[in-house]
Amino acid sequence: MSEVKSRIPIAKPWIGEAEAEAASRAIMSGWVTQGPEVAAFEQEFAAYVGGNYACAVSNCTTALHLALLAVGVKPGDEVITVSHSYIATANSIRYCGATPVFVDIEPQTYNINPMLIEEVISKNTRAILIVHQIGMPCDLKAILDIAYRHNLPVIEDAACAIGSEILWDGNWEKIGKPHGDIACFSFHPRKIITTGDGGMLTTNNPAYDKQFRLWRQHGMSIPDTVRHGAKQVMFESYPMLGYNYRMTDIQAAVGREQLKRLPEITERRRYLAQQYQEKLADILRLKLPTEPNWAKSNWQSFCVRLTEKCNQLQVMQTMLDAGVATRRGIMCAHREQAYQTEAWSCGFKAKACRCEIGKCDRLTESEQAQDQTILLPLFHQMTVSEQDYVVKVLQMATQI
């Protein structure tokens, strides 16, 4: 096992001189907080996904919070979503004082199972919050059909899905157009493109976009760019409770360069994912991910499922000992300590549930996905020898 001497990380941002020069440009301009670079990044992002509006914020969690507020989620409401996601998805619902109602996932795509949504809709349901998990698009047509029938808004947690596509009325369209009411993205370093941290909301609803822009800057009535460029003294007011959810111009300048790289990054990741499919096909104790014929993933992560003959922790430790970083399958919020006290539901009232703490009979696919899957290294700069080494180590680890 000496072919690759340095440790292979789970992910590695593809950033370089172009991003450094862009950050320097923003710094040297003297305008480093939300300003012209943010505005330009928003316009370019909206054009890329094919949406009418894009609003940059500090991260995807704040984007989700604003999206939920915009569609009217308030204390006492319920929002249908998945437990099988990073905890920020559920947390954003709790920030609104609402209760997440967790629906189980499809074992093939690790996305919300549309067939289970309708049975948990109640008089308190205010919205459906779906997650395009690890870059794989959800079955949006099926979900939106249900949402339209019940007059419910759909928010897309597209944190991992920039560059992913869905076949829509015979055409391939970008996730984030959006197809629901609002889509939310992340620019964390683990994602396809990064601004260090940051987020974006896309929508075709001008009222939502206007509201996002007020909320992200404390509800201030006059943007900084307008006030600083005015020829007359202007006093801002604060007609509503807002938040400090702004993106900086330094981040946005980096994001603009990253957006230029996105087509090449997506193409490369799809190639690497196909190579994994071919190289791992003969490992008997593995189940490989599937991509529906109506979806094109950006392969933010390559997730493999271990058979019952393999111990997840042992496989991961063996790979780490050999210099290969992995990650456990996507977490389940309902199993976390925070959600032993935070409100959540699986559609049954608490008094009717006999499940033990940290488990739920209605979320078995989610729990099994967390316990049986691992994420393999995948990044733009990955070499053939690095990928071959990962495959070799994984094959060895699954045979122990």
Protein backbone atom coordinates (compact mmCIF):
# COMPACT_ATOMS: atom_id res chain seq x y z
CA MET A 1 0.00 0.00 0.00
CA SER A 2 2.83 2.41 -0.74
CA GLU A 3 1.60 3.71 -4.11
CA VAL A 4 0.20 6.93 -2.61
CA LYS A 5 2.27 8.20 0.28
CA SER A 6 0.31 11.32 1.22
CA ARG A 7 -3.12 11.13 2.80
CA ILE A 8 -6.04 11.33 0.38
CA PRO A 9 -8.67 13.76 1.75
CA ILE A 10 -12.41 13.33 1.42
CA ALA A 11 -12.62 16.65 -0.43
CA LYS A 12 -10.36 19.45 -1.64
CA PRO A 13 -11.55 22.85 -2.97
CA TRP A 14 -10.22 23.79 -6.40
CA ILE A 15 -9.05 27.33 -5.79
CA GLY A 16 -5.98 29.17 -7.02
CA GLU A 17 -4.46 32.43 -8.23
CA ALA A 18 -7.65 33.63 -9.90
CA GLU A 19 -9.51 33.52 -6.60
CA ALA A 20 -6.60 35.14 -4.74
CA GLU A 21 -6.51 37.97 -7.27
CA ALA A 22 -10.29 38.40 -7.02
CA ALA A 23 -10.13 38.63 -3.23
CA SER A 24 -7.31 41.13 -3.54
CA ARG A 25 -9.37 43.18 -5.98
CA ALA A 26 -12.19 43.44 -3.45
CA ILE A 27 -9.81 44.24 -0.60
CA MET A 28 -7.98 46.94 -2.55
CA SER A 29 -11.25 48.53 -3.66
CA GLY A 30 -11.95 49.50 -0.06
CA TRP A 31 -15.41 47.95 -0.22
CA VAL A 32 -15.14 44.63 1.56
CA THR A 33 -18.62 44.02 2.98
CA GLN A 34 -21.79 43.42 0.95
CA GLY A 35 -21.53 45.59 -2.14
CA PRO A 36 -20.85 45.54 -5.90
CA GLU A 37 -19.12 42.15 -5.96
CA VAL A 38 -22.11 40.57 -4.19
CA ALA A 39 -24.49 42.16 -6.70
CA ALA A 40 -22.42 40.86 -9.62
CA PHE A 41 -22.18 37.37 -8.11
CA GLU A 42 -25.96 37.29 -7.66
CA GLN A 43 -26.58 38.26 -11.29
CA GLU A 44 -24.12 35.69 -12.61
CA PHE A 45 -25.48 32.95 -10.36
CA ALA A 46 -29.08 33.61 -11.42
CA ALA A 47 -28.01 33.47 -15.06
CA TYR A 48 -26.20 30.18 -14.49
CA VAL A 49 -29.16 28.34 -12.92
CA GLY A 50 -31.74 30.04 -15.12
CA GLY A 51 -33.63 31.71 -12.26
CA ASN A 52 -35.02 35.23 -12.16
CA TYR A 53 -33.51 36.24 -8.82
CA ALA A 54 -30.55 35.24 -6.65
CA CYS A 55 -29.80 36.67 -3.21
CA ALA A 56 -26.44 36.00 -1.50
CA VAL A 57 -26.29 35.35 2.24
CA SER A 58 -23.79 34.23 4.86
CA ASN A 59 -24.40 30.47 4.54
CA CYS A 60 -27.00 27.92 3.48
CA THR A 61 -28.49 27.62 6.97
CA THR A 62 -29.40 31.30 6.97
CA ALA A 63 -30.74 30.85 3.43
CA LEU A 64 -33.03 28.07 4.63
CA HIS A 65 -34.18 30.18 7.57
CA LEU A 66 -35.12 33.10 5.31
CA ALA A 67 -36.81 30.80 2.79
CA LEU A 68 -39.01 29.30 5.49
CA LEU A 69 -39.89 32.72 6.86
CA ALA A 70 -40.74 33.97 3.38
CA VAL A 71 -43.32 31.24 2.76
CA GLY A 72 -44.91 32.00 6.11
CA VAL A 73 -43.59 29.32 8.47
CA LYS A 74 -44.28 30.37 12.04
CA PRO A 75 -44.47 28.86 15.55
CA GLY A 76 -46.92 25.99 15.73
CA ASP A 77 -46.57 25.08 12.05
CA GLU A 78 -45.21 21.83 10.64
CA VAL A 79 -42.72 21.47 7.79
CA ILE A 80 -42.34 18.14 6.01
CA THR A 81 -38.71 17.22 5.40
CA VAL A 82 -36.16 14.44 5.94
CA SER A 83 -34.20 13.51 9.03
CA HIS A 84 -31.52 12.09 6.72
CA SER A 85 -29.67 15.36 6.10
CA TYR A 86 -27.14 17.61 7.76
CA ILE A 87 -28.71 18.87 10.97
CA ALA A 88 -29.02 22.41 9.57
CA THR A 89 -32.08 21.33 7.59
CA ALA A 90 -34.07 20.47 10.71
CA ASN A 91 -32.54 23.31 12.71
CA SER A 92 -33.73 25.94 10.24
CA ILE A 93 -37.30 24.77 10.82
CA ARG A 94 -36.86 24.99 14.59
CA TYR A 95 -35.49 28.54 14.23
CA CYS A 96 -38.98 29.46 13.01
CA GLY A 97 -40.59 27.77 16.01
CA ALA A 98 -42.06 25.12 13.71
CA THR A 99 -41.86 21.33 13.98
CA PRO A 100 -40.02 19.22 11.39
CA VAL A 101 -42.06 16.22 10.28
CA PHE A 102 -39.57 13.63 9.08
CA VAL A 103 -40.33 11.41 6.10
CA ASP A 104 -38.23 8.40 5.19
CA ILE A 105 -35.97 8.23 2.14
CA GLU A 106 -35.68 6.13 -0.98
CA PRO A 107 -32.80 3.66 -0.46
CA GLN A 108 -31.59 4.08 -4.05
CA THR A 109 -31.21 7.87 -4.16
CA TYR A 110 -31.09 8.73 -0.41
CA ASN A 111 -33.71 11.39 -1.14
CA ILE A 112 -37.19 11.93 0.32
CA ASN A 113 -39.67 9.26 -0.74
CA PRO A 114 -42.52 11.13 -2.47
CA MET A 115 -44.93 8.25 -1.82
CA LEU A 116 -44.73 8.94 1.92
CA ILE A 117 -45.36 12.69 1.88
CA GLU A 118 -49.11 12.87 1.50
CA GLU A 119 -49.88 10.68 4.50
CA VAL A 120 -48.17 13.13 6.91
CA ILE A 121 -49.80 16.31 5.59
CA SER A 122 -51.96 17.83 8.33
CA LYS A 123 -53.89 21.01 8.98
CA ASN A 124 -50.68 22.42 10.48
CA THR A 125 -48.46 21.71 7.46
CA ARG A 126 -47.08 24.97 6.11
CA ALA A 127 -44.37 23.85 3.65
CA ILE A 128 -42.36 20.98 2.21
CA LEU A 129 -38.58 21.25 2.53
CA ILE A 130 -36.80 18.74 0.30
CA VAL A 131 -33.08 17.97 0.13
CA HIS A 132 -31.15 17.14 -3.03
CA GLN A 133 -28.90 14.87 -1.01
CA ILE A 134 -25.17 14.83 -1.86
CA GLY A 135 -26.00 16.40 -5.22
CA MET A 136 -28.60 13.86 -6.43
CA PRO A 137 -31.80 15.62 -7.53
CA CYS A 138 -35.08 14.68 -5.86
CA ASP A 139 -38.10 13.50 -7.82
CA LEU A 140 -39.35 17.05 -8.16
CA LYS A 141 -42.27 16.29 -10.46
CA ALA A 142 -43.82 13.85 -8.01
CA ILE A 143 -43.20 16.17 -5.06
CA LEU A 144 -44.58 19.26 -6.79
CA ASP A 145 -47.72 17.40 -7.90
CA ILE A 146 -48.45 16.67 -4.23
CA ALA A 147 -47.59 20.23 -3.17
CA TYR A 148 -49.88 21.77 -5.80
CA ARG A 149 -52.79 19.55 -4.76
CA HIS A 150 -52.44 20.71 -1.17
CA ASN A 151 -51.44 24.32 -1.94
CA LEU A 152 -48.09 23.97 -0.17
CA PRO A 153 -44.88 25.81 -1.06
CA VAL A 154 -41.77 23.74 -1.81
CA ILE A 155 -38.32 24.82 -0.68
CA GLU A 156 -35.31 23.03 -2.15
CA ASP A 157 -32.33 22.47 0.14
CA ALA A 158 -29.83 22.43 -2.71
CA ALA A 159 -26.82 22.93 -0.45
CA CYS A 160 -24.92 20.19 -2.30
CA ALA A 161 -26.58 20.47 -5.71
CA ILE A 162 -25.03 23.37 -7.63
CA GLY A 163 -24.35 22.02 -11.12
CA SER A 164 -26.85 19.16 -10.82
CA GLU A 165 -29.57 18.89 -13.46
CA ILE A 166 -33.04 17.47 -13.91
CA LEU A 167 -34.94 16.51 -17.05
CA TRP A 168 -37.88 18.89 -17.12
CA ASP A 169 -40.45 18.86 -19.93
CA GLY A 170 -37.90 17.28 -22.25
CA ASN A 171 -35.06 19.70 -21.42
CA TRP A 172 -32.15 19.42 -19.01
CA GLU A 173 -32.45 22.24 -16.47
CA LYS A 174 -30.22 23.26 -13.58
CA ILE A 175 -31.25 22.65 -10.00
CA GLY A 176 -31.89 26.13 -8.66
CA LYS A 177 -33.96 27.46 -11.52
CA PRO A 178 -35.93 26.92 -9.17
CA HIS A 179 -38.60 24.33 -9.86
CA GLY A 180 -40.15 24.74 -6.44
CA ASP A 181 -40.69 28.16 -4.83
CA ILE A 182 -37.18 28.77 -3.46
CA ALA A 183 -33.85 26.95 -3.71
CA CYS A 184 -31.01 27.35 -1.20
CA PHE A 185 -27.31 26.70 -1.88
CA SER A 186 -24.12 26.37 0.16
CA PHE A 187 -20.59 27.50 -0.65
CA HIS A 188 -18.89 25.66 2.20
CA PRO A 189 -15.49 24.15 1.25
CA ARG A 190 -17.04 20.65 1.14
CA LYS A 191 -19.35 21.77 -1.65
CA ILE A 192 -18.64 21.92 -5.41
CA ILE A 193 -17.65 25.59 -5.37
CA THR A 194 -16.73 27.62 -2.33
CA THR A 195 -16.52 31.16 -1.00
CA GLY A 196 -15.02 29.96 2.29
CA ASP A 197 -18.58 29.92 3.58
CA GLY A 198 -21.67 31.47 2.11
CA GLY A 199 -25.09 30.77 0.68
CA MET A 200 -27.53 31.77 -2.04
CA LEU A 201 -31.31 31.82 -2.43
CA THR A 202 -32.87 31.61 -5.88
CA THR A 203 -36.50 32.27 -6.70
CA ASN A 204 -38.75 33.49 -9.50
CA ASN A 205 -40.92 35.40 -7.01
CA PRO A 206 -39.94 39.09 -6.80
CA ALA A 207 -41.72 39.54 -3.45
CA TYR A 208 -39.64 36.77 -1.88
CA ASP A 209 -36.43 38.24 -3.28
CA LYS A 210 -37.28 41.70 -1.91
CA GLN A 211 -37.97 40.20 1.49
CA PHE A 212 -34.67 38.28 1.54
CA ARG A 213 -32.74 41.48 0.85
CA LEU A 214 -34.42 43.31 3.71
CA TRP A 215 -34.04 40.50 6.21
CA ARG A 216 -30.39 39.74 5.45
CA GLN A 217 -29.37 43.27 6.47
CA HIS A 218 -31.29 43.86 9.71
CA GLY A 219 -34.40 44.97 7.81
CA MET A 220 -32.62 48.19 6.80
CA SER A 221 -34.77 50.25 4.42
CA ILE A 222 -31.90 51.64 2.33
CA PRO A 223 -29.03 49.43 1.09
CA ASP A 224 -25.47 50.58 1.80
CA THR A 225 -24.75 50.89 -1.92
CA VAL A 226 -27.63 53.34 -2.37
CA ARG A 227 -26.82 55.39 0.72
CA HIS A 228 -23.11 55.71 -0.02
CA GLY A 229 -23.76 56.72 -3.62
CA ALA A 230 -26.43 59.28 -2.82
CA LYS A 231 -25.86 63.00 -3.47
CA GLN A 232 -28.14 63.93 -0.60
CA VAL A 233 -28.06 62.86 3.03
CA MET A 234 -30.22 59.81 3.58
CA PHE A 235 -31.32 58.20 6.83
CA GLU A 236 -32.20 54.55 6.86
CA SER A 237 -34.97 53.06 8.98
CA TYR A 238 -35.63 49.58 10.31
CA PRO A 239 -39.33 48.79 9.81
CA MET A 240 -39.00 45.08 10.65
CA LEU A 241 -36.92 42.63 12.63
CA GLY A 242 -34.02 41.53 10.46
CA TYR A 243 -30.78 39.57 10.69
CA ASN A 244 -27.11 39.95 9.95
CA TYR A 245 -27.01 37.35 7.17
CA ARG A 246 -24.84 39.20 4.67
CA MET A 247 -22.14 37.87 2.37
CA THR A 248 -18.97 39.97 2.05
CA ASP A 249 -17.62 41.33 -1.20
CA ILE A 250 -14.40 39.39 -0.61
CA GLN A 251 -16.37 36.14 -0.56
CA ALA A 252 -18.44 37.14 -3.58
CA ALA A 253 -15.35 38.02 -5.61
CA VAL A 254 -14.02 34.52 -4.94
CA GLY A 255 -17.43 33.06 -5.76
CA ARG A 256 -17.48 34.74 -9.17
CA GLU A 257 -14.23 33.02 -10.09
CA GLN A 258 -15.46 29.71 -8.70
CA LEU A 259 -18.61 30.00 -10.80
CA LYS A 260 -16.45 30.23 -13.92
CA ARG A 261 -14.83 26.94 -12.95
CA LEU A 262 -18.12 25.18 -12.26
CA PRO A 263 -18.73 23.59 -15.70
CA GLU A 264 -15.24 22.08 -15.70
CA ILE A 265 -15.57 20.95 -12.08
CA THR A 266 -18.92 19.27 -12.75
CA GLU A 267 -17.63 17.52 -15.87
CA ARG A 268 -14.59 16.21 -14.03
CA ARG A 269 -16.61 14.95 -11.06
CA ARG A 270 -19.00 13.11 -13.35
CA TYR A 271 -16.04 11.45 -15.03
CA LEU A 272 -14.55 10.43 -11.68
CA ALA A 273 -17.92 9.08 -10.53
CA GLN A 274 -18.16 6.96 -13.67
CA GLN A 275 -14.64 5.68 -13.02
CA TYR A 276 -15.65 4.70 -9.50
CA GLN A 277 -18.68 2.86 -10.90
CA GLU A 278 -16.44 0.83 -13.21
CA LYS A 279 -13.56 0.24 -10.80
CA LEU A 280 -15.80 -0.79 -7.87
CA ALA A 281 -18.22 -2.95 -9.85
CA ASP A 282 -16.55 -6.23 -8.91
CA ILE A 283 -16.37 -5.65 -5.14
CA LEU A 284 -19.03 -8.03 -3.86
CA ARG A 285 -19.65 -6.39 -0.49
CA LEU A 286 -20.60 -3.04 -1.98
CA LYS A 287 -23.74 -1.51 -3.45
CA LEU A 288 -23.02 1.42 -5.75
CA PRO A 289 -25.12 4.58 -6.09
CA THR A 290 -27.74 4.83 -8.82
CA GLU A 291 -28.69 7.86 -10.89
CA PRO A 292 -32.27 8.05 -12.24
CA ASN A 293 -32.51 8.59 -15.99
CA TRP A 294 -34.14 11.97 -15.35
CA ALA A 295 -31.30 13.25 -13.14
CA LYS A 296 -27.69 14.31 -13.56
CA SER A 297 -25.87 14.54 -10.26
CA ASN A 298 -22.87 16.80 -9.72
CA TRP A 299 -21.52 13.97 -7.54
CA GLN A 300 -20.81 16.21 -4.59
CA SER A 301 -20.12 12.94 -2.80
CA PHE A 302 -19.78 9.34 -3.97
CA CYS A 303 -21.72 7.21 -1.50
CA VAL A 304 -21.33 3.43 -1.35
CA ARG A 305 -23.42 1.06 0.75
CA LEU A 306 -21.75 -1.78 2.64
CA THR A 307 -23.42 -5.16 2.91
CA GLU A 308 -24.25 -6.67 6.29
CA LYS A 309 -20.96 -8.60 6.23
CA CYS A 310 -19.03 -5.34 6.63
CA ASN A 311 -18.64 -3.20 9.73
CA GLN A 312 -18.87 0.47 8.79
CA LEU A 313 -16.52 1.73 11.52
CA GLN A 314 -13.96 -0.99 10.87
CA VAL A 315 -13.92 -0.32 7.12
CA MET A 316 -13.49 3.41 7.68
CA GLN A 317 -10.72 2.92 10.25
CA THR A 318 -8.85 0.49 7.99
CA MET A 319 -9.00 3.01 5.17
CA LEU A 320 -7.88 5.85 7.43
CA ASP A 321 -4.95 3.75 8.64
CA ALA A 322 -4.00 3.34 4.97
CA GLY A 323 -4.15 7.11 4.40
CA VAL A 324 -7.62 7.38 2.86
CA ALA A 325 -10.17 9.70 4.48
CA THR A 326 -13.86 8.74 4.36
CA ARG A 327 -17.02 9.96 6.03
CA ARG A 328 -19.93 8.09 7.55
CA GLY A 329 -23.22 8.10 5.67
CA ILE A 330 -25.39 11.21 5.99
CA MET A 331 -26.56 11.81 9.55
CA CYS A 332 -30.15 11.53 10.81
CA ALA A 333 -31.26 14.52 12.86
CA HIS A 334 -33.74 12.52 14.95
CA ARG A 335 -30.86 10.41 16.32
CA GLU A 336 -28.87 13.40 17.55
CA GLN A 337 -28.90 14.42 21.20
CA ALA A 338 -30.30 17.85 20.37
CA TYR A 339 -33.46 16.24 19.00
CA GLN A 340 -34.10 14.28 22.16
CA THR A 341 -35.39 17.61 23.49
CA GLU A 342 -36.19 19.58 20.32
CA ALA A 343 -39.63 19.00 18.82
CA TRP A 344 -39.99 16.70 15.83
CA SER A 345 -42.46 14.22 14.44
CA CYS A 346 -42.59 11.27 12.05
CA GLY A 347 -46.27 11.89 11.41
CA PHE A 348 -47.45 10.03 14.52
CA LYS A 349 -48.33 11.86 17.69
CA ALA A 350 -45.72 11.38 20.40
CA LYS A 351 -48.11 9.43 22.65
CA ALA A 352 -48.73 6.86 19.89
CA CYS A 353 -45.02 6.23 19.29
CA ARG A 354 -43.36 3.29 21.02
CA CYS A 355 -39.96 3.63 19.36
CA GLU A 356 -36.87 3.72 21.56
CA ILE A 357 -34.85 6.93 21.82
CA GLY A 358 -32.74 7.56 18.75
CA LYS A 359 -34.75 5.20 16.55
CA CYS A 360 -37.98 5.39 14.61
CA ASP A 361 -39.84 2.56 12.90
CA ARG A 362 -41.00 4.98 10.20
CA LEU A 363 -37.45 6.12 9.39
CA THR A 364 -35.71 2.78 8.96
CA GLU A 365 -34.32 3.51 5.48
CA SER A 366 -32.80 6.75 6.79
CA GLU A 367 -31.20 4.98 9.74
CA GLN A 368 -29.86 2.14 7.62
CA ALA A 369 -28.38 4.60 5.14
CA GLN A 370 -26.51 6.35 7.95
CA ASP A 371 -25.26 3.06 9.39
CA GLN A 372 -24.37 1.22 6.19
CA THR A 373 -22.94 3.82 3.83
CA ILE A 374 -19.63 5.64 3.54
CA LEU A 375 -18.56 8.59 1.40
CA LEU A 376 -15.39 8.13 -0.64
CA PRO A 377 -12.85 10.81 -1.58
CA LEU A 378 -13.88 12.79 -4.64
CA PHE A 379 -12.41 16.10 -5.74
CA HIS A 380 -11.52 17.86 -8.98
CA GLN A 381 -7.75 17.40 -8.67
CA MET A 382 -7.98 13.66 -7.93
CA THR A 383 -5.48 11.69 -10.00
CA VAL A 384 -5.87 8.26 -11.56
CA SER A 385 -3.35 6.81 -9.12
CA GLU A 386 -5.17 8.33 -6.14
CA GLN A 387 -8.50 6.94 -7.24
CA ASP A 388 -6.98 3.53 -7.95
CA TYR A 389 -5.46 3.55 -4.49
CA VAL A 390 -8.82 4.37 -2.87
CA VAL A 391 -10.40 1.46 -4.75
CA LYS A 392 -7.60 -0.89 -3.72
CA VAL A 393 -7.82 0.11 -0.06
CA LEU A 394 -11.61 -0.16 -0.03
CA GLN A 395 -11.44 -3.64 -1.55
CA MET A 396 -9.00 -4.70 1.14
CA ALA A 397 -11.07 -3.10 3.91
CA THR A 398 -14.29 -4.85 2.89
CA GLN A 399 -12.61 -8.25 2.96
CA ILE A 400 -11.41 -8.07 6.55
